PDB file of all heavy atoms in Angstrom:
ATOM      1  N   LEU A   1      60.130 174.721  86.071  1.00  0.00           N
ATOM      2  CA  LEU A   1      61.307 175.572  86.240  1.00  0.00           C
ATOM      3  C   LEU A   1      62.075 175.817  84.948  1.00  0.00           C
ATOM      4  O   LEU A   1      62.464 176.953  84.646  1.00  0.00           O
ATOM      5  CB  LEU A   1      62.226 174.940  87.295  1.00  0.00           C
ATOM      6  CG  LEU A   1      63.465 175.724  87.703  1.00  0.00           C
ATOM      7  CD1 LEU A   1      63.076 177.057  88.335  1.00  0.00           C
ATOM      8  CD2 LEU A   1      64.319 174.906  88.681  1.00  0.00           C
ATOM      9  N   ILE A   2      62.303 174.757  84.173  1.00  0.00           N
ATOM     10  CA  ILE A   2      63.171 174.877  82.986  1.00  0.00           C
ATOM     11  C   ILE A   2      62.607 175.839  81.934  1.00  0.00           C
ATOM     12  O   ILE A   2      63.328 176.732  81.467  1.00  0.00           O
ATOM     13  CB  ILE A   2      63.449 173.479  82.386  1.00  0.00           C
ATOM     14  CG1 ILE A   2      64.221 172.615  83.383  1.00  0.00           C
ATOM     15  CG2 ILE A   2      64.205 173.600  81.069  1.00  0.00           C
ATOM     16  CD1 ILE A   2      65.551 173.188  83.827  1.00  0.00           C
ATOM     17  N   PRO A   3      61.328 175.721  81.533  1.00  0.00           N
ATOM     18  CA  PRO A   3      60.805 176.693  80.561  1.00  0.00           C
ATOM     19  C   PRO A   3      60.817 178.117  81.094  1.00  0.00           C
ATOM     20  O   PRO A   3      61.070 179.067  80.340  1.00  0.00           O
ATOM     21  CB  PRO A   3      59.365 176.210  80.310  1.00  0.00           C
ATOM     22  CG  PRO A   3      59.350 174.793  80.722  1.00  0.00           C
ATOM     23  CD  PRO A   3      60.322 174.682  81.852  1.00  0.00           C
ATOM     24  N   ALA A   4      60.547 178.272  82.394  1.00  0.00           N
ATOM     25  CA  ALA A   4      60.558 179.613  82.976  1.00  0.00           C
ATOM     26  C   ALA A   4      61.935 180.250  82.847  1.00  0.00           C
ATOM     27  O   ALA A   4      62.060 181.420  82.461  1.00  0.00           O
ATOM     28  CB  ALA A   4      60.139 179.544  84.443  1.00  0.00           C
ATOM     29  N   ILE A   5      62.957 179.470  83.155  1.00  0.00           N
ATOM     30  CA  ILE A   5      64.316 180.016  83.118  1.00  0.00           C
ATOM     31  C   ILE A   5      64.746 180.338  81.691  1.00  0.00           C
ATOM     32  O   ILE A   5      65.242 181.425  81.406  1.00  0.00           O
ATOM     33  CB  ILE A   5      65.311 179.016  83.748  1.00  0.00           C
ATOM     34  CG1 ILE A   5      65.009 178.818  85.235  1.00  0.00           C
ATOM     35  CG2 ILE A   5      66.747 179.515  83.577  1.00  0.00           C
ATOM     36  CD1 ILE A   5      65.805 177.687  85.855  1.00  0.00           C
ATOM     37  N   ILE A   6      64.552 179.383  80.790  1.00  0.00           N
ATOM     38  CA  ILE A   6      65.108 179.548  79.446  1.00  0.00           C
ATOM     39  C   ILE A   6      64.455 180.717  78.700  1.00  0.00           C
ATOM     40  O   ILE A   6      65.063 181.326  77.815  1.00  0.00           O
ATOM     41  CB  ILE A   6      64.990 178.233  78.637  1.00  0.00           C
ATOM     42  CG1 ILE A   6      66.009 178.230  77.486  1.00  0.00           C
ATOM     43  CG2 ILE A   6      63.582 178.030  78.099  1.00  0.00           C
ATOM     44  CD1 ILE A   6      66.143 176.891  76.801  1.00  0.00           C
ATOM     45  N   MET A   7      63.229 181.074  79.095  1.00  0.00           N
ATOM     46  CA  MET A   7      62.562 182.203  78.448  1.00  0.00           C
ATOM     47  C   MET A   7      63.053 183.551  78.969  1.00  0.00           C
ATOM     48  O   MET A   7      62.665 184.602  78.450  1.00  0.00           O
ATOM     49  CB  MET A   7      61.051 182.102  78.650  1.00  0.00           C
ATOM     50  CG  MET A   7      60.370 181.099  77.734  1.00  0.00           C
ATOM     51  SD  MET A   7      60.602 181.429  75.981  1.00  0.00           S
ATOM     52  CE  MET A   7      59.840 183.031  75.810  1.00  0.00           C
ATOM     53  N   GLY A   8      63.894 183.530  80.022  1.00  0.00           N
ATOM     54  CA  GLY A   8      64.450 184.781  80.512  1.00  0.00           C
ATOM     55  C   GLY A   8      63.898 185.243  81.836  1.00  0.00           C
ATOM     56  O   GLY A   8      64.232 186.327  82.323  1.00  0.00           O
ATOM     57  N   ASN A   9      63.028 184.445  82.450  1.00  0.00           N
ATOM     58  CA  ASN A   9      62.529 184.776  83.782  1.00  0.00           C
ATOM     59  C   ASN A   9      63.586 184.434  84.837  1.00  0.00           C
ATOM     60  O   ASN A   9      64.508 183.661  84.580  1.00  0.00           O
ATOM     61  CB  ASN A   9      61.258 183.974  84.078  1.00  0.00           C
ATOM     62  CG  ASN A   9      60.173 184.226  83.047  1.00  0.00           C
ATOM     63  OD1 ASN A   9      59.521 185.270  83.053  1.00  0.00           O
ATOM     64  ND2 ASN A   9      59.975 183.267  82.153  1.00  0.00           N
ATOM     65  N   THR A  10      63.431 184.973  86.012  1.00  0.00           N
ATOM     66  CA  THR A  10      64.246 184.562  87.156  1.00  0.00           C
ATOM     67  C   THR A  10      63.343 183.830  88.139  1.00  0.00           C
ATOM     68  O   THR A  10      62.120 184.015  88.124  1.00  0.00           O
ATOM     69  CB  THR A  10      64.913 185.765  87.838  1.00  0.00           C
ATOM     70  OG1 THR A  10      63.900 186.669  88.317  1.00  0.00           O
ATOM     71  CG2 THR A  10      65.815 186.500  86.848  1.00  0.00           C
ATOM     72  N   ALA A  11      63.919 182.996  89.000  1.00  0.00           N
ATOM     73  CA  ALA A  11      63.086 182.103  89.792  1.00  0.00           C
ATOM     74  C   ALA A  11      63.578 181.946  91.222  1.00  0.00           C
ATOM     75  O   ALA A  11      64.779 181.974  91.498  1.00  0.00           O
ATOM     76  CB  ALA A  11      63.031 180.728  89.124  1.00  0.00           C
ATOM     77  N   VAL A  12      62.602 181.766  92.111  1.00  0.00           N
ATOM     78  CA  VAL A  12      62.839 181.272  93.460  1.00  0.00           C
ATOM     79  C   VAL A  12      62.229 179.883  93.498  1.00  0.00           C
ATOM     80  O   VAL A  12      61.036 179.717  93.240  1.00  0.00           O
ATOM     81  CB  VAL A  12      62.200 182.170  94.534  1.00  0.00           C
ATOM     82  CG1 VAL A  12      62.419 181.566  95.924  1.00  0.00           C
ATOM     83  CG2 VAL A  12      62.766 183.580  94.461  1.00  0.00           C
ATOM     84  N   PHE A  13      63.035 178.893  93.819  1.00  0.00           N
ATOM     85  CA  PHE A  13      62.624 177.498  93.736  1.00  0.00           C
ATOM     86  C   PHE A  13      62.740 176.834  95.102  1.00  0.00           C
ATOM     87  O   PHE A  13      63.784 176.860  95.726  1.00  0.00           O
ATOM     88  CB  PHE A  13      63.512 176.791  92.697  1.00  0.00           C
ATOM     89  CG  PHE A  13      63.509 175.293  92.769  1.00  0.00           C
ATOM     90  CD1 PHE A  13      62.341 174.577  92.950  1.00  0.00           C
ATOM     91  CD2 PHE A  13      64.702 174.584  92.644  1.00  0.00           C
ATOM     92  CE1 PHE A  13      62.343 173.187  93.014  1.00  0.00           C
ATOM     93  CE2 PHE A  13      64.722 173.200  92.704  1.00  0.00           C
ATOM     94  CZ  PHE A  13      63.539 172.501  92.900  1.00  0.00           C
ATOM     95  N   LYS A  14      61.614 176.265  95.572  1.00  0.00           N
ATOM     96  CA  LYS A  14      61.624 175.507  96.818  1.00  0.00           C
ATOM     97  C   LYS A  14      61.187 174.075  96.519  1.00  0.00           C
ATOM     98  O   LYS A  14      60.076 173.851  96.039  1.00  0.00           O
ATOM     99  CB  LYS A  14      60.671 176.112  97.847  1.00  0.00           C
ATOM    100  CG  LYS A  14      60.805 175.455  99.224  1.00  0.00           C
ATOM    101  CD  LYS A  14      59.638 175.750 100.113  1.00  0.00           C
ATOM    102  CE  LYS A  14      58.475 174.848  99.850  1.00  0.00           C
ATOM    103  NZ  LYS A  14      58.723 173.408 100.189  1.00  0.00           N
ATOM    104  N   PRO A  15      62.057 173.086  96.785  1.00  0.00           N
ATOM    105  CA  PRO A  15      61.673 171.695  96.557  1.00  0.00           C
ATOM    106  C   PRO A  15      60.520 171.276  97.462  1.00  0.00           C
ATOM    107  O   PRO A  15      60.247 171.895  98.491  1.00  0.00           O
ATOM    108  CB  PRO A  15      62.947 170.910  96.905  1.00  0.00           C
ATOM    109  CG  PRO A  15      64.054 171.909  96.886  1.00  0.00           C
ATOM    110  CD  PRO A  15      63.439 173.217  97.264  1.00  0.00           C
ATOM    111  N   ALA A  16      59.863 170.189  97.080  1.00  0.00           N
ATOM    112  CA  ALA A  16      58.774 169.643  97.885  1.00  0.00           C
ATOM    113  C   ALA A  16      59.309 169.111  99.215  1.00  0.00           C
ATOM    114  O   ALA A  16      60.513 168.871  99.371  1.00  0.00           O
ATOM    115  CB  ALA A  16      58.069 168.531  97.116  1.00  0.00           C
ATOM    116  N   LYS A  17      58.397 168.904 100.162  1.00  0.00           N
ATOM    117  CA  LYS A  17      58.793 168.434 101.487  1.00  0.00           C
ATOM    118  C   LYS A  17      59.429 167.051 101.410  1.00  0.00           C
ATOM    119  O   LYS A  17      60.427 166.765 102.071  1.00  0.00           O
ATOM    120  CB  LYS A  17      57.576 168.395 102.407  1.00  0.00           C
ATOM    121  CG  LYS A  17      57.905 168.009 103.842  1.00  0.00           C
ATOM    122  CD  LYS A  17      56.651 168.031 104.717  1.00  0.00           C
ATOM    123  CE  LYS A  17      56.978 167.610 106.133  1.00  0.00           C
ATOM    124  NZ  LYS A  17      55.757 167.611 106.989  1.00  0.00           N
ATOM    125  N   GLN A  18      58.839 166.152 100.611  1.00  0.00           N
ATOM    126  CA  GLN A  18      59.460 164.861 100.327  1.00  0.00           C
ATOM    127  C   GLN A  18      60.076 164.933  98.933  1.00  0.00           C
ATOM    128  O   GLN A  18      59.492 165.521  98.029  1.00  0.00           O
ATOM    129  CB  GLN A  18      58.429 163.726 100.377  1.00  0.00           C
ATOM    130  CG  GLN A  18      58.015 163.317 101.772  1.00  0.00           C
ATOM    131  CD  GLN A  18      56.858 164.134 102.311  1.00  0.00           C
ATOM    132  OE1 GLN A  18      56.028 164.615 101.557  1.00  0.00           O
ATOM    133  NE2 GLN A  18      56.799 164.287 103.617  1.00  0.00           N
ATOM    134  N   GLY A  19      61.234 164.297  98.778  1.00  0.00           N
ATOM    135  CA  GLY A  19      61.941 164.419  97.506  1.00  0.00           C
ATOM    136  C   GLY A  19      62.780 165.668  97.471  1.00  0.00           C
ATOM    137  O   GLY A  19      62.861 166.363  96.458  1.00  0.00           O
ATOM    138  N   VAL A  20      63.403 165.981  98.614  1.00  0.00           N
ATOM    139  CA  VAL A  20      64.157 167.227  98.731  1.00  0.00           C
ATOM    140  C   VAL A  20      65.658 167.003  98.644  1.00  0.00           C
ATOM    141  O   VAL A  20      66.386 167.800  98.027  1.00  0.00           O
ATOM    142  CB  VAL A  20      63.766 167.948 100.049  1.00  0.00           C
ATOM    143  CG1 VAL A  20      64.051 167.062 101.251  1.00  0.00           C
ATOM    144  CG2 VAL A  20      64.486 169.260 100.201  1.00  0.00           C
ATOM    145  N   LEU A  21      66.158 165.894  99.207  1.00  0.00           N
ATOM    146  CA  LEU A  21      67.603 165.654  99.187  1.00  0.00           C
ATOM    147  C   LEU A  21      68.123 165.405  97.772  1.00  0.00           C
ATOM    148  O   LEU A  21      69.286 165.662  97.482  1.00  0.00           O
ATOM    149  CB  LEU A  21      67.949 164.467 100.083  1.00  0.00           C
ATOM    150  CG  LEU A  21      67.903 164.728 101.596  1.00  0.00           C
ATOM    151  CD1 LEU A  21      68.141 163.438 102.355  1.00  0.00           C
ATOM    152  CD2 LEU A  21      68.928 165.784 101.996  1.00  0.00           C
ATOM    153  N   LEU A  22      67.270 164.907  96.892  1.00  0.00           N
ATOM    154  CA  LEU A  22      67.726 164.623  95.528  1.00  0.00           C
ATOM    155  C   LEU A  22      68.034 165.898  94.746  1.00  0.00           C
ATOM    156  O   LEU A  22      68.682 165.843  93.687  1.00  0.00           O
ATOM    157  CB  LEU A  22      66.686 163.775  94.788  1.00  0.00           C
ATOM    158  CG  LEU A  22      65.284 164.363  94.633  1.00  0.00           C
ATOM    159  CD1 LEU A  22      65.137 165.133  93.335  1.00  0.00           C
ATOM    160  CD2 LEU A  22      64.238 163.271  94.697  1.00  0.00           C
ATOM    161  N   ILE A  23      67.572 167.052  95.239  1.00  0.00           N
ATOM    162  CA  ILE A  23      67.896 168.324  94.591  1.00  0.00           C
ATOM    163  C   ILE A  23      69.303 168.783  94.969  1.00  0.00           C
ATOM    164  O   ILE A  23      69.953 169.517  94.223  1.00  0.00           O
ATOM    165  CB  ILE A  23      66.860 169.400  94.986  1.00  0.00           C
ATOM    166  CG1 ILE A  23      65.461 168.992  94.523  1.00  0.00           C
ATOM    167  CG2 ILE A  23      67.218 170.761  94.409  1.00  0.00           C
ATOM    168  CD1 ILE A  23      65.300 168.860  93.022  1.00  0.00           C
ATOM    169  N   ALA A  24      69.790 168.316  96.120  1.00  0.00           N
ATOM    170  CA  ALA A  24      71.096 168.767  96.622  1.00  0.00           C
ATOM    171  C   ALA A  24      72.232 168.601  95.606  1.00  0.00           C
ATOM    172  O   ALA A  24      73.056 169.516  95.446  1.00  0.00           O
ATOM    173  CB  ALA A  24      71.428 168.042  97.928  1.00  0.00           C
ATOM    174  N   PRO A  25      72.324 167.451  94.896  1.00  0.00           N
ATOM    175  CA  PRO A  25      73.433 167.307  93.940  1.00  0.00           C
ATOM    176  C   PRO A  25      73.367 168.276  92.756  1.00  0.00           C
ATOM    177  O   PRO A  25      74.358 168.421  92.031  1.00  0.00           O
ATOM    178  CB  PRO A  25      73.260 165.856  93.441  1.00  0.00           C
ATOM    179  CG  PRO A  25      72.425 165.168  94.461  1.00  0.00           C
ATOM    180  CD  PRO A  25      71.521 166.216  95.007  1.00  0.00           C
ATOM    181  N   LEU A  26      72.225 168.951  92.570  1.00  0.00           N
ATOM    182  CA  LEU A  26      72.051 169.806  91.396  1.00  0.00           C
ATOM    183  C   LEU A  26      72.241 171.289  91.714  1.00  0.00           C
ATOM    184  O   LEU A  26      72.272 172.114  90.795  1.00  0.00           O
ATOM    185  CB  LEU A  26      70.653 169.592  90.797  1.00  0.00           C
ATOM    186  CG  LEU A  26      70.307 168.140  90.436  1.00  0.00           C
ATOM    187  CD1 LEU A  26      68.872 168.065  89.928  1.00  0.00           C
ATOM    188  CD2 LEU A  26      71.276 167.593  89.396  1.00  0.00           C
ATOM    189  N   ILE A  27      72.387 171.625  92.997  1.00  0.00           N
ATOM    190  CA  ILE A  27      72.480 173.043  93.358  1.00  0.00           C
ATOM    191  C   ILE A  27      73.707 173.689  92.734  1.00  0.00           C
ATOM    192  O   ILE A  27      73.653 174.798  92.189  1.00  0.00           O
ATOM    193  CB  ILE A  27      72.495 173.195  94.894  1.00  0.00           C
ATOM    194  CG1 ILE A  27      71.130 172.820  95.465  1.00  0.00           C
ATOM    195  CG2 ILE A  27      72.849 174.623  95.287  1.00  0.00           C
ATOM    196  CD1 ILE A  27      71.044 172.939  96.960  1.00  0.00           C
TER     197      ILE A  27
END
C-alpha cells in the first residue's frame, strides 16, 4: 500500500480476514 500511495496512485484497501481489527486504529 505505502509505495503505491506515495507514487501518486489511489487505492482501495481491504484488510485480510484475520488481522482486521488492528487496522481500525489507523483508519
